[in-house]
Amino acid sequence: MILVTFAGSFIGMSLVAVLETWYPSGWMLTIGSFGATAVVLYALPGTALAQPRNLFGGHFVSALAGILVFHYITPELFPAAPLAVAIAIMLMQLSRTLHPPGGATALIAVIGPQSVHDLGWAYLVPVMTGITLMFLTALVVHNINQKGSYPHYWG
């Protein structure tokens, strides 16, 4: 299991980092919340937090929360940072898509570099692209020796 975790996290994060070099100049694809997602996705694949609904939905609603707060409420660190995280958690709970790294995805939309702020709604593109690459890696590494071991359920 430890080697599967290592392989998954290394390959998943490598794909994200390599793809960043192909993205338009200034688009940050390798975001901090992906490190925490790697822990959940590759070391804890059986948990509800690692299932596709939580993985995709959690990052999606959290990115939305961060974008909305920064661009439409306030770009000031306080109250933007705590508000984005709190709204992200609330949205994840309401949508039943709790994925703890999503809180960081919301926070990055607020505290990230100018290149992230400049993306506006397009911040969703690198977030969802990176998560998709990490998910596809999880499908391969968790099912290569154990057919059907991941995901446990889709919805």
N, C-alpha and C. Protein backbone atom coordinates (compact mmCIF):
# COMPACT_ATOMS: atom_id res chain seq x y z
N MET A 1 0.82 -1.20 0.00
CA MET A 1 0.00 0.00 0.00
C MET A 1 0.87 1.26 0.00
N ILE A 2 1.97 1.25 0.73
CA ILE A 2 2.83 2.42 0.80
C ILE A 2 3.43 2.73 -0.57
N LEU A 3 3.82 1.69 -1.32
CA LEU A 3 4.37 1.92 -2.66
C LEU A 3 3.30 2.43 -3.62
N VAL A 4 2.07 1.96 -3.47
CA VAL A 4 0.97 2.46 -4.30
C VAL A 4 0.73 3.94 -4.00
N THR A 5 0.76 4.29 -2.70
CA THR A 5 0.58 5.68 -2.30
C THR A 5 1.69 6.54 -2.88
N PHE A 6 2.94 6.07 -2.77
CA PHE A 6 4.07 6.80 -3.33
C PHE A 6 3.92 6.97 -4.84
N ALA A 7 3.64 5.86 -5.53
CA ALA A 7 3.53 5.91 -6.99
C ALA A 7 2.39 6.84 -7.42
N GLY A 8 1.26 6.71 -6.78
CA GLY A 8 0.12 7.55 -7.14
C GLY A 8 0.40 9.02 -6.93
N SER A 9 0.92 9.35 -5.77
CA SER A 9 1.17 10.77 -5.48
C SER A 9 2.27 11.33 -6.37
N PHE A 10 3.29 10.54 -6.64
CA PHE A 10 4.38 11.00 -7.50
C PHE A 10 3.89 11.19 -8.94
N ILE A 11 3.19 10.20 -9.46
CA ILE A 11 2.72 10.28 -10.84
C ILE A 11 1.66 11.37 -10.99
N GLY A 12 0.69 11.40 -10.08
CA GLY A 12 -0.38 12.40 -10.16
C GLY A 12 0.16 13.82 -10.11
N MET A 13 1.02 14.09 -9.15
CA MET A 13 1.59 15.43 -9.03
C MET A 13 2.53 15.74 -10.19
N SER A 14 3.22 14.73 -10.70
CA SER A 14 4.10 14.94 -11.86
C SER A 14 3.30 15.36 -13.08
N LEU A 15 2.17 14.70 -13.31
CA LEU A 15 1.33 15.06 -14.45
C LEU A 15 0.85 16.50 -14.34
N VAL A 16 0.45 16.89 -13.15
CA VAL A 16 -0.02 18.26 -12.93
C VAL A 16 1.11 19.26 -13.18
N ALA A 17 2.28 18.97 -12.63
CA ALA A 17 3.42 19.88 -12.78
C ALA A 17 3.88 19.98 -14.23
N VAL A 18 3.92 18.86 -14.92
CA VAL A 18 4.34 18.88 -16.33
C VAL A 18 3.33 19.63 -17.17
N LEU A 19 2.04 19.40 -16.92
CA LEU A 19 1.02 20.10 -17.69
C LEU A 19 1.09 21.61 -17.47
N GLU A 20 1.50 22.02 -16.28
CA GLU A 20 1.62 23.46 -16.02
C GLU A 20 2.60 24.12 -16.98
N THR A 21 3.62 23.39 -17.38
CA THR A 21 4.60 23.96 -18.31
C THR A 21 3.98 24.17 -19.70
N TRP A 22 2.88 23.48 -20.01
CA TRP A 22 2.22 23.62 -21.30
C TRP A 22 1.07 24.62 -21.26
N TYR A 23 0.64 25.01 -20.07
CA TYR A 23 -0.48 25.94 -19.93
C TYR A 23 -0.08 27.33 -20.37
N PRO A 24 -1.07 28.17 -20.66
CA PRO A 24 -0.73 29.56 -21.03
C PRO A 24 0.15 30.21 -19.96
N SER A 25 1.02 31.06 -20.38
CA SER A 25 1.94 31.73 -19.47
C SER A 25 1.21 32.37 -18.29
N GLY A 26 1.70 32.09 -17.10
CA GLY A 26 1.13 32.70 -15.90
C GLY A 26 0.01 31.90 -15.26
N TRP A 27 -0.43 30.82 -15.88
CA TRP A 27 -1.51 30.02 -15.29
C TRP A 27 -0.90 29.04 -14.30
N MET A 28 -1.27 29.20 -13.05
CA MET A 28 -0.77 28.32 -12.01
C MET A 28 -1.66 27.09 -11.93
N LEU A 29 -1.11 25.93 -12.22
CA LEU A 29 -1.87 24.68 -12.17
C LEU A 29 -1.53 23.87 -10.92
N THR A 30 -0.30 23.96 -10.47
CA THR A 30 0.13 23.20 -9.31
C THR A 30 -0.17 24.02 -8.06
N ILE A 31 -1.37 23.81 -7.51
CA ILE A 31 -1.79 24.58 -6.35
C ILE A 31 -1.62 23.76 -5.08
N GLY A 32 -1.42 24.46 -3.97
CA GLY A 32 -1.12 23.81 -2.70
C GLY A 32 -2.14 22.79 -2.25
N SER A 33 -3.40 23.02 -2.53
CA SER A 33 -4.43 22.08 -2.08
C SER A 33 -4.29 20.71 -2.74
N PHE A 34 -3.59 20.64 -3.86
CA PHE A 34 -3.38 19.35 -4.52
C PHE A 34 -2.47 18.44 -3.70
N GLY A 35 -1.58 19.02 -2.91
CA GLY A 35 -0.75 18.19 -2.02
C GLY A 35 -1.62 17.46 -1.01
N ALA A 36 -2.56 18.17 -0.42
CA ALA A 36 -3.47 17.55 0.53
C ALA A 36 -4.41 16.57 -0.17
N THR A 37 -4.82 16.90 -1.38
CA THR A 37 -5.67 15.98 -2.14
C THR A 37 -4.93 14.69 -2.42
N ALA A 38 -3.63 14.77 -2.69
CA ALA A 38 -2.83 13.57 -2.93
C ALA A 38 -2.85 12.65 -1.71
N VAL A 39 -2.78 13.21 -0.53
CA VAL A 39 -2.84 12.39 0.69
C VAL A 39 -4.16 11.64 0.75
N VAL A 40 -5.26 12.37 0.56
CA VAL A 40 -6.59 11.77 0.63
C VAL A 40 -6.79 10.75 -0.49
N LEU A 41 -6.45 11.12 -1.70
CA LEU A 41 -6.72 10.30 -2.88
C LEU A 41 -5.87 9.04 -2.96
N TYR A 42 -4.61 9.14 -2.60
CA TYR A 42 -3.71 8.00 -2.78
C TYR A 42 -3.47 7.19 -1.50
N ALA A 43 -3.55 7.84 -0.33
CA ALA A 43 -3.33 7.11 0.92
C ALA A 43 -4.63 6.67 1.59
N LEU A 44 -5.74 7.34 1.27
CA LEU A 44 -7.03 7.04 1.91
C LEU A 44 -8.12 6.85 0.85
N PRO A 45 -7.90 6.02 -0.15
CA PRO A 45 -8.85 5.92 -1.26
C PRO A 45 -10.21 5.35 -0.88
N GLY A 46 -10.29 4.67 0.24
CA GLY A 46 -11.55 4.07 0.66
C GLY A 46 -12.47 5.01 1.41
N THR A 47 -11.98 6.18 1.77
CA THR A 47 -12.79 7.11 2.53
C THR A 47 -13.77 7.86 1.63
N ALA A 48 -14.85 8.35 2.24
CA ALA A 48 -15.83 9.13 1.49
C ALA A 48 -15.18 10.38 0.91
N LEU A 49 -14.20 10.94 1.60
CA LEU A 49 -13.55 12.17 1.17
C LEU A 49 -12.79 12.00 -0.14
N ALA A 50 -12.44 10.76 -0.50
CA ALA A 50 -11.65 10.50 -1.70
C ALA A 50 -12.51 10.08 -2.89
N GLN A 51 -13.80 9.94 -2.70
CA GLN A 51 -14.66 9.48 -3.79
C GLN A 51 -14.90 10.61 -4.80
N PRO A 52 -15.19 10.26 -6.05
CA PRO A 52 -15.29 11.26 -7.12
C PRO A 52 -16.22 12.44 -6.82
N ARG A 53 -17.38 12.18 -6.24
CA ARG A 53 -18.31 13.27 -5.95
C ARG A 53 -17.66 14.30 -5.03
N ASN A 54 -17.00 13.83 -3.99
CA ASN A 54 -16.35 14.72 -3.03
C ASN A 54 -15.13 15.39 -3.64
N LEU A 55 -14.35 14.64 -4.38
CA LEU A 55 -13.14 15.17 -5.00
C LEU A 55 -13.46 16.30 -5.97
N PHE A 56 -14.29 16.01 -6.94
CA PHE A 56 -14.62 17.02 -7.96
C PHE A 56 -15.53 18.11 -7.40
N GLY A 57 -16.58 17.70 -6.73
CA GLY A 57 -17.52 18.68 -6.20
C GLY A 57 -16.91 19.58 -5.16
N GLY A 58 -16.09 19.01 -4.27
CA GLY A 58 -15.46 19.81 -3.22
C GLY A 58 -14.55 20.89 -3.76
N HIS A 59 -13.72 20.52 -4.72
CA HIS A 59 -12.82 21.52 -5.32
C HIS A 59 -13.61 22.54 -6.15
N PHE A 60 -14.64 22.08 -6.85
CA PHE A 60 -15.41 22.99 -7.70
C PHE A 60 -16.13 24.06 -6.87
N VAL A 61 -16.90 23.64 -5.87
CA VAL A 61 -17.63 24.64 -5.08
C VAL A 61 -16.69 25.51 -4.26
N SER A 62 -15.54 24.97 -3.87
CA SER A 62 -14.58 25.76 -3.11
C SER A 62 -13.92 26.82 -3.99
N ALA A 63 -13.58 26.44 -5.22
CA ALA A 63 -13.02 27.42 -6.15
C ALA A 63 -14.05 28.52 -6.42
N LEU A 64 -15.31 28.13 -6.60
CA LEU A 64 -16.37 29.12 -6.80
C LEU A 64 -16.44 30.08 -5.61
N ALA A 65 -16.40 29.53 -4.41
CA ALA A 65 -16.48 30.37 -3.21
C ALA A 65 -15.33 31.38 -3.16
N GLY A 66 -14.12 30.91 -3.43
CA GLY A 66 -12.96 31.81 -3.42
C GLY A 66 -13.05 32.90 -4.46
N ILE A 67 -13.46 32.53 -5.66
CA ILE A 67 -13.61 33.51 -6.75
C ILE A 67 -14.67 34.54 -6.39
N LEU A 68 -15.81 34.07 -5.94
CA LEU A 68 -16.92 34.98 -5.60
C LEU A 68 -16.51 35.98 -4.52
N VAL A 69 -15.87 35.47 -3.47
CA VAL A 69 -15.48 36.35 -2.38
C VAL A 69 -14.46 37.38 -2.85
N PHE A 70 -13.39 36.92 -3.51
CA PHE A 70 -12.31 37.83 -3.90
C PHE A 70 -12.77 38.86 -4.92
N HIS A 71 -13.52 38.43 -5.91
CA HIS A 71 -13.88 39.33 -7.01
C HIS A 71 -15.18 40.10 -6.81
N TYR A 72 -16.06 39.61 -5.94
CA TYR A 72 -17.38 40.24 -5.83
C TYR A 72 -17.73 40.76 -4.44
N ILE A 73 -16.96 40.34 -3.43
CA ILE A 73 -17.24 40.85 -2.08
C ILE A 73 -16.11 41.77 -1.63
N THR A 74 -14.90 41.21 -1.51
CA THR A 74 -13.74 42.03 -1.13
C THR A 74 -12.44 41.28 -1.41
N PRO A 75 -11.43 41.97 -1.90
CA PRO A 75 -10.12 41.35 -2.06
C PRO A 75 -9.24 41.50 -0.81
N GLU A 76 -9.75 42.18 0.21
CA GLU A 76 -8.97 42.40 1.44
C GLU A 76 -8.81 41.08 2.20
N LEU A 77 -7.58 40.81 2.63
CA LEU A 77 -7.29 39.56 3.32
C LEU A 77 -8.30 39.25 4.42
N PHE A 78 -8.56 40.25 5.24
CA PHE A 78 -9.65 40.11 6.20
C PHE A 78 -10.75 41.05 5.75
N PRO A 79 -11.88 40.57 5.44
CA PRO A 79 -12.49 39.29 5.79
C PRO A 79 -12.48 38.24 4.68
N ALA A 80 -11.81 38.50 3.54
CA ALA A 80 -11.91 37.59 2.40
C ALA A 80 -11.44 36.17 2.71
N ALA A 81 -10.29 36.01 3.35
CA ALA A 81 -9.75 34.67 3.59
C ALA A 81 -10.69 33.82 4.46
N PRO A 82 -11.08 34.31 5.64
CA PRO A 82 -11.98 33.46 6.44
C PRO A 82 -13.35 33.28 5.80
N LEU A 83 -13.82 34.29 5.10
CA LEU A 83 -15.13 34.19 4.46
C LEU A 83 -15.13 33.16 3.34
N ALA A 84 -14.09 33.16 2.52
CA ALA A 84 -14.00 32.19 1.42
C ALA A 84 -13.96 30.76 1.94
N VAL A 85 -13.17 30.53 2.97
CA VAL A 85 -13.07 29.18 3.54
C VAL A 85 -14.40 28.77 4.17
N ALA A 86 -15.01 29.67 4.93
CA ALA A 86 -16.28 29.34 5.60
C ALA A 86 -17.38 29.07 4.58
N ILE A 87 -17.44 29.88 3.53
CA ILE A 87 -18.46 29.65 2.48
C ILE A 87 -18.18 28.34 1.76
N ALA A 88 -16.91 28.05 1.49
CA ALA A 88 -16.55 26.79 0.82
C ALA A 88 -17.01 25.59 1.66
N ILE A 89 -16.75 25.63 2.95
CA ILE A 89 -17.16 24.53 3.81
C ILE A 89 -18.68 24.39 3.82
N MET A 90 -19.37 25.51 3.93
CA MET A 90 -20.83 25.49 3.92
C MET A 90 -21.35 24.89 2.61
N LEU A 91 -20.80 25.32 1.48
CA LEU A 91 -21.24 24.81 0.19
C LEU A 91 -20.94 23.32 0.05
N MET A 92 -19.78 22.89 0.53
CA MET A 92 -19.45 21.46 0.47
C MET A 92 -20.42 20.66 1.33
N GLN A 93 -20.77 21.17 2.50
CA GLN A 93 -21.73 20.46 3.35
C GLN A 93 -23.10 20.41 2.69
N LEU A 94 -23.56 21.53 2.16
CA LEU A 94 -24.88 21.57 1.52
C LEU A 94 -24.96 20.65 0.30
N SER A 95 -23.87 20.55 -0.44
CA SER A 95 -23.85 19.73 -1.65
C SER A 95 -23.37 18.30 -1.39
N ARG A 96 -23.08 17.99 -0.14
CA ARG A 96 -22.57 16.66 0.25
C ARG A 96 -21.32 16.30 -0.56
N THR A 97 -20.39 17.27 -0.66
CA THR A 97 -19.15 17.07 -1.40
C THR A 97 -17.93 17.43 -0.54
N LEU A 98 -17.99 17.14 0.75
CA LEU A 98 -16.91 17.52 1.65
C LEU A 98 -15.58 16.89 1.22
N HIS A 99 -14.61 17.73 0.99
CA HIS A 99 -13.26 17.32 0.62
C HIS A 99 -12.33 18.34 1.27
N PRO A 100 -11.72 18.03 2.41
CA PRO A 100 -10.95 19.02 3.17
C PRO A 100 -9.97 19.88 2.37
N PRO A 101 -9.25 19.33 1.38
CA PRO A 101 -8.38 20.21 0.60
C PRO A 101 -9.11 21.32 -0.13
N GLY A 102 -10.42 21.18 -0.30
CA GLY A 102 -11.21 22.23 -0.94
C GLY A 102 -11.11 23.55 -0.20
N GLY A 103 -10.99 23.51 1.12
CA GLY A 103 -10.83 24.74 1.88
C GLY A 103 -9.60 25.51 1.42
N ALA A 104 -8.53 24.78 1.12
CA ALA A 104 -7.32 25.43 0.62
C ALA A 104 -7.51 25.96 -0.80
N THR A 105 -8.30 25.27 -1.60
CA THR A 105 -8.59 25.75 -2.96
C THR A 105 -9.29 27.10 -2.90
N ALA A 106 -10.23 27.25 -1.98
CA ALA A 106 -10.92 28.54 -1.79
C ALA A 106 -9.94 29.60 -1.30
N LEU A 107 -9.10 29.23 -0.35
CA LEU A 107 -8.14 30.17 0.22
C LEU A 107 -7.13 30.65 -0.82
N ILE A 108 -6.69 29.75 -1.68
CA ILE A 108 -5.72 30.11 -2.72
C ILE A 108 -6.31 31.13 -3.68
N ALA A 109 -7.62 31.04 -3.95
CA ALA A 109 -8.26 32.03 -4.81
C ALA A 109 -8.18 33.43 -4.21
N VAL A 110 -8.05 33.51 -2.89
CA VAL A 110 -7.97 34.80 -2.20
C VAL A 110 -6.51 35.23 -1.98
N ILE A 111 -5.67 34.32 -1.49
CA ILE A 111 -4.30 34.69 -1.12
C ILE A 111 -3.27 34.38 -2.19
N GLY A 112 -3.70 33.76 -3.28
CA GLY A 112 -2.77 33.36 -4.33
C GLY A 112 -2.11 34.56 -4.99
N PRO A 113 -1.16 34.29 -5.86
CA PRO A 113 -0.47 35.37 -6.56
C PRO A 113 -1.39 36.09 -7.54
N GLN A 114 -0.93 37.19 -8.05
CA GLN A 114 -1.72 37.99 -8.98
C GLN A 114 -2.16 37.17 -10.19
N SER A 115 -1.32 36.22 -10.61
CA SER A 115 -1.69 35.40 -11.76
C SER A 115 -2.97 34.60 -11.49
N VAL A 116 -3.18 34.19 -10.25
CA VAL A 116 -4.42 33.49 -9.89
C VAL A 116 -5.58 34.48 -9.89
N HIS A 117 -5.38 35.65 -9.31
CA HIS A 117 -6.44 36.66 -9.29
C HIS A 117 -6.84 37.09 -10.70
N ASP A 118 -5.86 37.19 -11.58
CA ASP A 118 -6.13 37.60 -12.95
C ASP A 118 -6.99 36.59 -13.71
N LEU A 119 -6.96 35.34 -13.28
CA LEU A 119 -7.76 34.31 -13.95
C LEU A 119 -9.26 34.52 -13.78
N GLY A 120 -9.66 35.08 -12.66
CA GLY A 120 -11.09 35.22 -12.40
C GLY A 120 -11.77 33.87 -12.46
N TRP A 121 -12.86 33.79 -13.23
CA TRP A 121 -13.61 32.53 -13.36
C TRP A 121 -12.76 31.43 -13.97
N ALA A 122 -11.76 31.80 -14.74
CA ALA A 122 -10.90 30.80 -15.38
C ALA A 122 -10.07 30.01 -14.38
N TYR A 123 -10.03 30.45 -13.11
CA TYR A 123 -9.35 29.67 -12.05
C TYR A 123 -9.94 28.26 -11.98
N LEU A 124 -11.20 28.12 -12.36
CA LEU A 124 -11.83 26.80 -12.36
C LEU A 124 -11.14 25.83 -13.32
N VAL A 125 -10.58 26.35 -14.41
CA VAL A 125 -9.96 25.48 -15.41
C VAL A 125 -8.74 24.75 -14.86
N PRO A 126 -7.74 25.44 -14.31
CA PRO A 126 -6.61 24.69 -13.78
C PRO A 126 -6.98 23.82 -12.58
N VAL A 127 -7.91 24.28 -11.76
CA VAL A 127 -8.33 23.47 -10.60
C VAL A 127 -8.92 22.15 -11.09
N MET A 128 -9.88 22.23 -11.97
CA MET A 128 -10.56 21.01 -12.41
C MET A 128 -9.67 20.14 -13.31
N THR A 129 -8.77 20.77 -14.06
CA THR A 129 -7.83 20.00 -14.88
C THR A 129 -6.88 19.20 -14.00
N GLY A 130 -6.32 19.86 -12.99
CA GLY A 130 -5.41 19.16 -12.09
C GLY A 130 -6.08 18.03 -11.35
N ILE A 131 -7.29 18.27 -10.87
CA ILE A 131 -8.03 17.24 -10.15
C ILE A 131 -8.35 16.06 -11.06
N THR A 132 -8.68 16.35 -12.30
CA THR A 132 -8.97 15.27 -13.26
C THR A 132 -7.74 14.40 -13.48
N LEU A 133 -6.58 15.01 -13.64
CA LEU A 133 -5.34 14.23 -13.82
C LEU A 133 -5.05 13.38 -12.59
N MET A 134 -5.25 13.95 -11.42
CA MET A 134 -4.99 13.20 -10.19
C MET A 134 -5.99 12.05 -10.04
N PHE A 135 -7.25 12.28 -10.41
CA PHE A 135 -8.27 11.25 -10.34
C PHE A 135 -7.95 10.10 -11.30
N LEU A 136 -7.59 10.43 -12.54
CA LEU A 136 -7.25 9.39 -13.51
C LEU A 136 -6.06 8.57 -13.04
N THR A 137 -5.10 9.22 -12.42
CA THR A 137 -3.96 8.49 -11.85
C THR A 137 -4.42 7.54 -10.76
N ALA A 138 -5.33 8.00 -9.90
CA ALA A 138 -5.86 7.15 -8.83
C ALA A 138 -6.57 5.93 -9.41
N LEU A 139 -7.33 6.13 -10.48
CA LEU A 139 -8.01 4.99 -11.12
C LEU A 139 -7.01 3.92 -11.54
N VAL A 140 -5.90 4.36 -12.11
CA VAL A 140 -4.90 3.41 -12.59
C VAL A 140 -4.17 2.75 -11.43
N VAL A 141 -3.59 3.54 -10.52
CA VAL A 141 -2.74 2.94 -9.49
C VAL A 141 -3.53 2.09 -8.50
N HIS A 142 -4.77 2.46 -8.21
CA HIS A 142 -5.54 1.67 -7.25
C HIS A 142 -6.20 0.45 -7.88
N ASN A 143 -6.30 0.40 -9.18
CA ASN A 143 -6.97 -0.72 -9.84
C ASN A 143 -6.02 -1.63 -10.61
N ILE A 144 -4.75 -1.28 -10.65
CA ILE A 144 -3.79 -2.06 -11.44
C ILE A 144 -3.62 -3.48 -10.87
N ASN A 145 -3.63 -3.60 -9.55
CA ASN A 145 -3.50 -4.92 -8.91
C ASN A 145 -4.81 -5.41 -8.31
N GLN A 146 -5.68 -4.50 -7.98
CA GLN A 146 -6.95 -4.86 -7.35
C GLN A 146 -8.08 -4.33 -8.21
N LYS A 147 -8.60 -5.14 -9.07
CA LYS A 147 -9.67 -4.71 -9.98
C LYS A 147 -10.85 -4.15 -9.19
N GLY A 148 -11.26 -2.96 -9.55
CA GLY A 148 -12.44 -2.36 -8.94
C GLY A 148 -12.26 -1.84 -7.53
N SER A 149 -11.02 -1.59 -7.09
CA SER A 149 -10.83 -1.15 -5.72
C SER A 149 -11.06 0.36 -5.54
N TYR A 150 -11.05 1.11 -6.63
CA TYR A 150 -11.31 2.56 -6.54
C TYR A 150 -12.00 2.99 -7.81
N PRO A 151 -13.00 3.83 -7.71
CA PRO A 151 -13.63 4.34 -6.49
C PRO A 151 -14.59 3.32 -5.89
N HIS A 152 -14.94 3.53 -4.64
CA HIS A 152 -15.89 2.64 -3.98
C HIS A 152 -17.29 2.90 -4.46
N TYR A 153 -17.57 4.16 -4.79
CA TYR A 153 -18.86 4.55 -5.37
C TYR A 153 -18.66 5.88 -6.08
N TRP A 154 -19.56 6.20 -7.00
CA TRP A 154 -19.43 7.39 -7.84
C TRP A 154 -20.24 8.56 -7.33
N GLY A 155 -21.37 8.33 -6.75
CA GLY A 155 -22.27 9.42 -6.37
C GLY A 155 -22.31 9.76 -4.92
